[in-house]
Amino acid sequence: MLARLRNRLAGTVVLVFQPTEETLTGAAAMLDDGVFARVRSAEIHAMHCGPFPAASSW
C-alpha cells in the first residue's frame, strides 16, 4: 500500500517492530535502548498482529 501511494506521501516512513510484545517487556527495552531518540516521528500507528485480545487487562 505504501509503495503504491509513495507519489502522494511526503516524508519518511519508518517501520518499528517490537520484540517480546506479548510479555510487555519489548517496549521498555526499546525505550531503554533509545529507539525514539534516533527516530523522531510526527505520527505513530500501531497494529496488533497476534491472535491475542486487544485492550486486555494486565
PDB file of N, CA and C in Angstrom:
ATOM      1  N   MET A   1       0.820  -1.178   0.000  1.00  0.00           N
ATOM      2  CA  MET A   1       0.000   0.000   0.000  1.00  0.00           C
ATOM      3  C   MET A   1       0.876   1.259   0.000  1.00  0.00           C
ATOM      4  N   LEU A   2       1.886   1.274   0.854  1.00  0.00           N
ATOM      5  CA  LEU A   2       2.767   2.439   0.896  1.00  0.00           C
ATOM      6  C   LEU A   2       3.488   2.642  -0.430  1.00  0.00           C
ATOM      7  N   ALA A   3       3.919   1.560  -1.036  1.00  0.00           N
ATOM      8  CA  ALA A   3       4.616   1.658  -2.320  1.00  0.00           C
ATOM      9  C   ALA A   3       3.689   2.228  -3.388  1.00  0.00           C
ATOM     10  N   ARG A   4       2.446   1.826  -3.368  1.00  0.00           N
ATOM     11  CA  ARG A   4       1.505   2.340  -4.373  1.00  0.00           C
ATOM     12  C   ARG A   4       1.178   3.799  -4.150  1.00  0.00           C
ATOM     13  N   LEU A   5       1.220   4.270  -2.917  1.00  0.00           N
ATOM     14  CA  LEU A   5       0.881   5.662  -2.599  1.00  0.00           C
ATOM     15  C   LEU A   5       2.093   6.570  -2.488  1.00  0.00           C
ATOM     16  N   ARG A   6       3.290   6.072  -2.749  1.00  0.00           N
ATOM     17  CA  ARG A   6       4.509   6.840  -2.487  1.00  0.00           C
ATOM     18  C   ARG A   6       4.548   8.195  -3.174  1.00  0.00           C
ATOM     19  N   ASN A   7       3.928   8.348  -4.326  1.00  0.00           N
ATOM     20  CA  ASN A   7       3.930   9.643  -5.014  1.00  0.00           C
ATOM     21  C   ASN A   7       2.996  10.645  -4.349  1.00  0.00           C
ATOM     22  N   ARG A   8       2.122  10.177  -3.483  1.00  0.00           N
ATOM     23  CA  ARG A   8       1.186  11.068  -2.795  1.00  0.00           C
ATOM     24  C   ARG A   8       1.575  11.307  -1.342  1.00  0.00           C
ATOM     25  N   LEU A   9       2.644  10.683  -0.885  1.00  0.00           N
ATOM     26  CA  LEU A   9       3.073  10.816   0.506  1.00  0.00           C
ATOM     27  C   LEU A   9       4.328  11.675   0.600  1.00  0.00           C
ATOM     28  N   ALA A  10       4.401  12.454   1.649  1.00  0.00           N
ATOM     29  CA  ALA A  10       5.593  13.271   1.895  1.00  0.00           C
ATOM     30  C   ALA A  10       6.289  12.737   3.145  1.00  0.00           C
ATOM     31  N   GLY A  11       7.588  12.872   3.207  1.00  0.00           N
ATOM     32  CA  GLY A  11       8.316  12.467   4.399  1.00  0.00           C
ATOM     33  C   GLY A  11       8.901  11.082   4.284  1.00  0.00           C
ATOM     34  N   THR A  12       9.217  10.530   5.428  1.00  0.00           N
ATOM     35  CA  THR A  12       9.870   9.229   5.512  1.00  0.00           C
ATOM     36  C   THR A  12       9.024   8.295   6.361  1.00  0.00           C
ATOM     37  N   VAL A  13       8.905   7.070   5.919  1.00  0.00           N
ATOM     38  CA  VAL A  13       8.198   6.056   6.693  1.00  0.00           C
ATOM     39  C   VAL A  13       9.237   5.168   7.365  1.00  0.00           C
ATOM     40  N   VAL A  14       9.084   4.981   8.659  1.00  0.00           N
ATOM     41  CA  VAL A  14       9.975   4.117   9.425  1.00  0.00           C
ATOM     42  C   VAL A  14       9.118   3.022  10.054  1.00  0.00           C
ATOM     43  N   LEU A  15       9.490   1.780   9.820  1.00  0.00           N
ATOM     44  CA  LEU A  15       8.774   0.659  10.424  1.00  0.00           C
ATOM     45  C   LEU A  15       9.544   0.200  11.654  1.00  0.00           C
ATOM     46  N   VAL A  16       8.852   0.111  12.782  1.00  0.00           N
ATOM     47  CA  VAL A  16       9.460  -0.307  14.035  1.00  0.00           C
ATOM     48  C   VAL A  16       8.726  -1.555  14.501  1.00  0.00           C
ATOM     49  N   PHE A  17       9.462  -2.613  14.717  1.00  0.00           N
ATOM     50  CA  PHE A  17       8.877  -3.859  15.178  1.00  0.00           C
ATOM     51  C   PHE A  17       9.285  -4.087  16.628  1.00  0.00           C
ATOM     52  N   GLN A  18       8.306  -4.353  17.470  1.00  0.00           N
ATOM     53  CA  GLN A  18       8.555  -4.508  18.899  1.00  0.00           C
ATOM     54  C   GLN A  18       8.750  -5.980  19.255  1.00  0.00           C
ATOM     55  N   PRO A  19       9.926  -6.327  19.767  1.00  0.00           N
ATOM     56  CA  PRO A  19      10.143  -7.708  20.202  1.00  0.00           C
ATOM     57  C   PRO A  19       9.436  -7.980  21.527  1.00  0.00           C
ATOM     58  N   THR A  20       9.151  -9.195  21.785  1.00  0.00           N
ATOM     59  CA  THR A  20       8.519  -9.664  23.027  1.00  0.00           C
ATOM     60  C   THR A  20       7.337  -8.801  23.456  1.00  0.00           C
ATOM     61  N   GLU A  21       6.530  -8.437  22.486  1.00  0.00           N
ATOM     62  CA  GLU A  21       5.360  -7.604  22.754  1.00  0.00           C
ATOM     63  C   GLU A  21       4.379  -8.313  23.689  1.00  0.00           C
ATOM     64  N   GLU A  22       4.275  -9.601  23.560  1.00  0.00           N
ATOM     65  CA  GLU A  22       3.305 -10.356  24.354  1.00  0.00           C
ATOM     66  C   GLU A  22       3.586 -10.291  25.847  1.00  0.00           C
ATOM     67  N   THR A  23       4.844 -10.149  26.232  1.00  0.00           N
ATOM     68  CA  THR A  23       5.195 -10.115  27.655  1.00  0.00           C
ATOM     69  C   THR A  23       5.343  -8.699  28.192  1.00  0.00           C
ATOM     70  N   LEU A  24       5.102  -7.720  27.352  1.00  0.00           N
ATOM     71  CA  LEU A  24       5.179  -6.303  27.725  1.00  0.00           C
ATOM     72  C   LEU A  24       6.587  -5.850  28.099  1.00  0.00           C
ATOM     73  N   THR A  25       7.607  -6.610  27.730  1.00  0.00           N
ATOM     74  CA  THR A  25       8.982  -6.205  28.043  1.00  0.00           C
ATOM     75  C   THR A  25       9.669  -5.573  26.834  1.00  0.00           C
ATOM     76  N   GLY A  26       9.160  -5.799  25.647  1.00  0.00           N
ATOM     77  CA  GLY A  26       9.789  -5.277  24.431  1.00  0.00           C
ATOM     78  C   GLY A  26       9.774  -3.763  24.363  1.00  0.00           C
ATOM     79  N   ALA A  27       8.651  -3.150  24.714  1.00  0.00           N
ATOM     80  CA  ALA A  27       8.553  -1.690  24.656  1.00  0.00           C
ATOM     81  C   ALA A  27       9.559  -1.038  25.599  1.00  0.00           C
ATOM     82  N   ALA A  28       9.644  -1.549  26.816  1.00  0.00           N
ATOM     83  CA  ALA A  28      10.591  -0.989  27.785  1.00  0.00           C
ATOM     84  C   ALA A  28      12.022  -1.132  27.289  1.00  0.00           C
ATOM     85  N   ALA A  29      12.340  -2.268  26.712  1.00  0.00           N
ATOM     86  CA  ALA A  29      13.694  -2.477  26.189  1.00  0.00           C
ATOM     87  C   ALA A  29      13.989  -1.518  25.045  1.00  0.00           C
ATOM     88  N   MET A  30      13.014  -1.292  24.181  1.00  0.00           N
ATOM     89  CA  MET A  30      13.217  -0.363  23.060  1.00  0.00           C
ATOM     90  C   MET A  30      13.416   1.061  23.561  1.00  0.00           C
ATOM     91  N   LEU A  31      12.618   1.464  24.546  1.00  0.00           N
ATOM     92  CA  LEU A  31      12.766   2.810  25.102  1.00  0.00           C
ATOM     93  C   LEU A  31      14.101   2.957  25.814  1.00  0.00           C
ATOM     94  N   ASP A  32      14.499   1.933  26.575  1.00  0.00           N
ATOM     95  CA  ASP A  32      15.800   1.962  27.255  1.00  0.00           C
ATOM     96  C   ASP A  32      16.946   2.055  26.249  1.00  0.00           C
ATOM     97  N   ASP A  33      16.752   1.442  25.081  1.00  0.00           N
ATOM     98  CA  ASP A  33      17.767   1.458  24.030  1.00  0.00           C
ATOM     99  C   ASP A  33      17.784   2.773  23.255  1.00  0.00           C
ATOM    100  N   GLY A  34      16.773   3.625  23.475  1.00  0.00           N
ATOM    101  CA  GLY A  34      16.746   4.932  22.826  1.00  0.00           C
ATOM    102  C   GLY A  34      16.217   4.929  21.404  1.00  0.00           C
ATOM    103  N   VAL A  35      15.327   3.995  21.085  1.00  0.00           N
ATOM    104  CA  VAL A  35      14.830   3.899  19.710  1.00  0.00           C
ATOM    105  C   VAL A  35      14.201   5.209  19.240  1.00  0.00           C
ATOM    106  N   PHE A  36      13.480   5.903  20.087  1.00  0.00           N
ATOM    107  CA  PHE A  36      12.841   7.139  19.646  1.00  0.00           C
ATOM    108  C   PHE A  36      13.749   8.354  19.774  1.00  0.00           C
ATOM    109  N   ALA A  37      14.910   8.181  20.352  1.00  0.00           N
ATOM    110  CA  ALA A  37      15.910   9.256  20.327  1.00  0.00           C
ATOM    111  C   ALA A  37      16.574   9.300  18.956  1.00  0.00           C
ATOM    112  N   ARG A  38      16.637   8.139  18.296  1.00  0.00           N
ATOM    113  CA  ARG A  38      17.245   8.063  16.961  1.00  0.00           C
ATOM    114  C   ARG A  38      16.254   8.383  15.856  1.00  0.00           C
ATOM    115  N   VAL A  39      14.993   8.043  16.087  1.00  0.00           N
ATOM    116  CA  VAL A  39      13.960   8.230  15.069  1.00  0.00           C
ATOM    117  C   VAL A  39      12.855   9.077  15.669  1.00  0.00           C
ATOM    118  N   ARG A  40      12.698  10.291  15.171  1.00  0.00           N
ATOM    119  CA  ARG A  40      11.635  11.171  15.642  1.00  0.00           C
ATOM    120  C   ARG A  40      10.477  11.060  14.671  1.00  0.00           C
ATOM    121  N   SER A  41       9.278  10.916  15.208  1.00  0.00           N
ATOM    122  CA  SER A  41       8.130  10.770  14.324  1.00  0.00           C
ATOM    123  C   SER A  41       7.055  11.790  14.645  1.00  0.00           C
ATOM    124  N   ALA A  42       6.339  12.189  13.617  1.00  0.00           N
ATOM    125  CA  ALA A  42       5.195  13.074  13.794  1.00  0.00           C
ATOM    126  C   ALA A  42       3.956  12.263  14.149  1.00  0.00           C
ATOM    127  N   GLU A  43       3.913  11.024  13.694  1.00  0.00           N
ATOM    128  CA  GLU A  43       2.778  10.136  13.954  1.00  0.00           C
ATOM    129  C   GLU A  43       3.288   8.726  14.197  1.00  0.00           C
ATOM    130  N   ILE A  44       2.545   7.983  15.002  1.00  0.00           N
ATOM    131  CA  ILE A  44       2.834   6.571  15.197  1.00  0.00           C
ATOM    132  C   ILE A  44       1.515   5.821  15.046  1.00  0.00           C
ATOM    133  N   HIS A  45       1.519   4.813  14.223  1.00  0.00           N
ATOM    134  CA  HIS A  45       0.351   3.949  14.034  1.00  0.00           C
ATOM    135  C   HIS A  45       0.762   2.538  14.429  1.00  0.00           C
ATOM    136  N   ALA A  46      -0.096   1.858  15.155  1.00  0.00           N
ATOM    137  CA  ALA A  46       0.238   0.523  15.644  1.00  0.00           C
ATOM    138  C   ALA A  46      -0.759  -0.498  15.123  1.00  0.00           C
ATOM    139  N   MET A  47      -0.268  -1.722  15.017  1.00  0.00           N
ATOM    140  CA  MET A  47      -1.130  -2.813  14.600  1.00  0.00           C
ATOM    141  C   MET A  47      -0.793  -4.040  15.430  1.00  0.00           C
ATOM    142  N   HIS A  48      -1.803  -4.651  15.992  1.00  0.00           N
ATOM    143  CA  HIS A  48      -1.626  -5.865  16.789  1.00  0.00           C
ATOM    144  C   HIS A  48      -1.898  -7.050  15.877  1.00  0.00           C
ATOM    145  N   CYS A  49      -0.870  -7.822  15.573  1.00  0.00           N
ATOM    146  CA  CYS A  49      -0.989  -8.897  14.581  1.00  0.00           C
ATOM    147  C   CYS A  49      -1.279 -10.267  15.170  1.00  0.00           C
ATOM    148  N   GLY A  50      -1.041 -10.458  16.422  1.00  0.00           N
ATOM    149  CA  GLY A  50      -1.173 -11.784  17.011  1.00  0.00           C
ATOM    150  C   GLY A  50      -2.613 -12.139  17.345  1.00  0.00           C
ATOM    151  N   PRO A  51      -2.859 -13.393  17.633  1.00  0.00           N
ATOM    152  CA  PRO A  51      -4.214 -13.837  17.978  1.00  0.00           C
ATOM    153  C   PRO A  51      -4.528 -13.593  19.456  1.00  0.00           C
ATOM    154  N   PHE A  52      -4.298 -12.370  19.907  1.00  0.00           N
ATOM    155  CA  PHE A  52      -4.494 -12.026  21.305  1.00  0.00           C
ATOM    156  C   PHE A  52      -5.583 -10.963  21.411  1.00  0.00           C
ATOM    157  N   PRO A  53      -6.313 -10.921  22.521  1.00  0.00           N
ATOM    158  CA  PRO A  53      -7.343  -9.893  22.666  1.00  0.00           C
ATOM    159  C   PRO A  53      -6.724  -8.501  22.765  1.00  0.00           C
ATOM    160  N   ALA A  54      -7.352  -7.556  22.121  1.00  0.00           N
ATOM    161  CA  ALA A  54      -6.889  -6.169  22.195  1.00  0.00           C
ATOM    162  C   ALA A  54      -7.408  -5.546  23.492  1.00  0.00           C
ATOM    163  N   ALA A  55      -6.663  -4.627  24.033  1.00  0.00           N
ATOM    164  CA  ALA A  55      -7.030  -3.899  25.249  1.00  0.00           C
ATOM    165  C   ALA A  55      -7.300  -4.858  26.415  1.00  0.00           C
ATOM    166  N   SER A  56      -6.519  -5.897  26.495  1.00  0.00           N
ATOM    167  CA  SER A  56      -6.697  -6.829  27.623  1.00  0.00           C
ATOM    168  C   SER A  56      -6.171  -6.218  28.906  1.00  0.00           C
ATOM    169  N   SER A  57      -6.716  -6.616  30.021  1.00  0.00           N
ATOM    170  CA  SER A  57      -6.202  -6.085  31.293  1.00  0.00           C
ATOM    171  C   SER A  57      -4.904  -6.764  31.667  1.00  0.00           C
ATOM    172  N   TRP A  58      -3.994  -6.006  32.219  1.00  0.00           N
ATOM    173  CA  TRP A  58      -2.720  -6.569  32.628  1.00  0.00           C
ATOM    174  C   TRP A  58      -2.700  -6.620  34.105  1.00  0.00           C
TER     175      TRP A  58
END
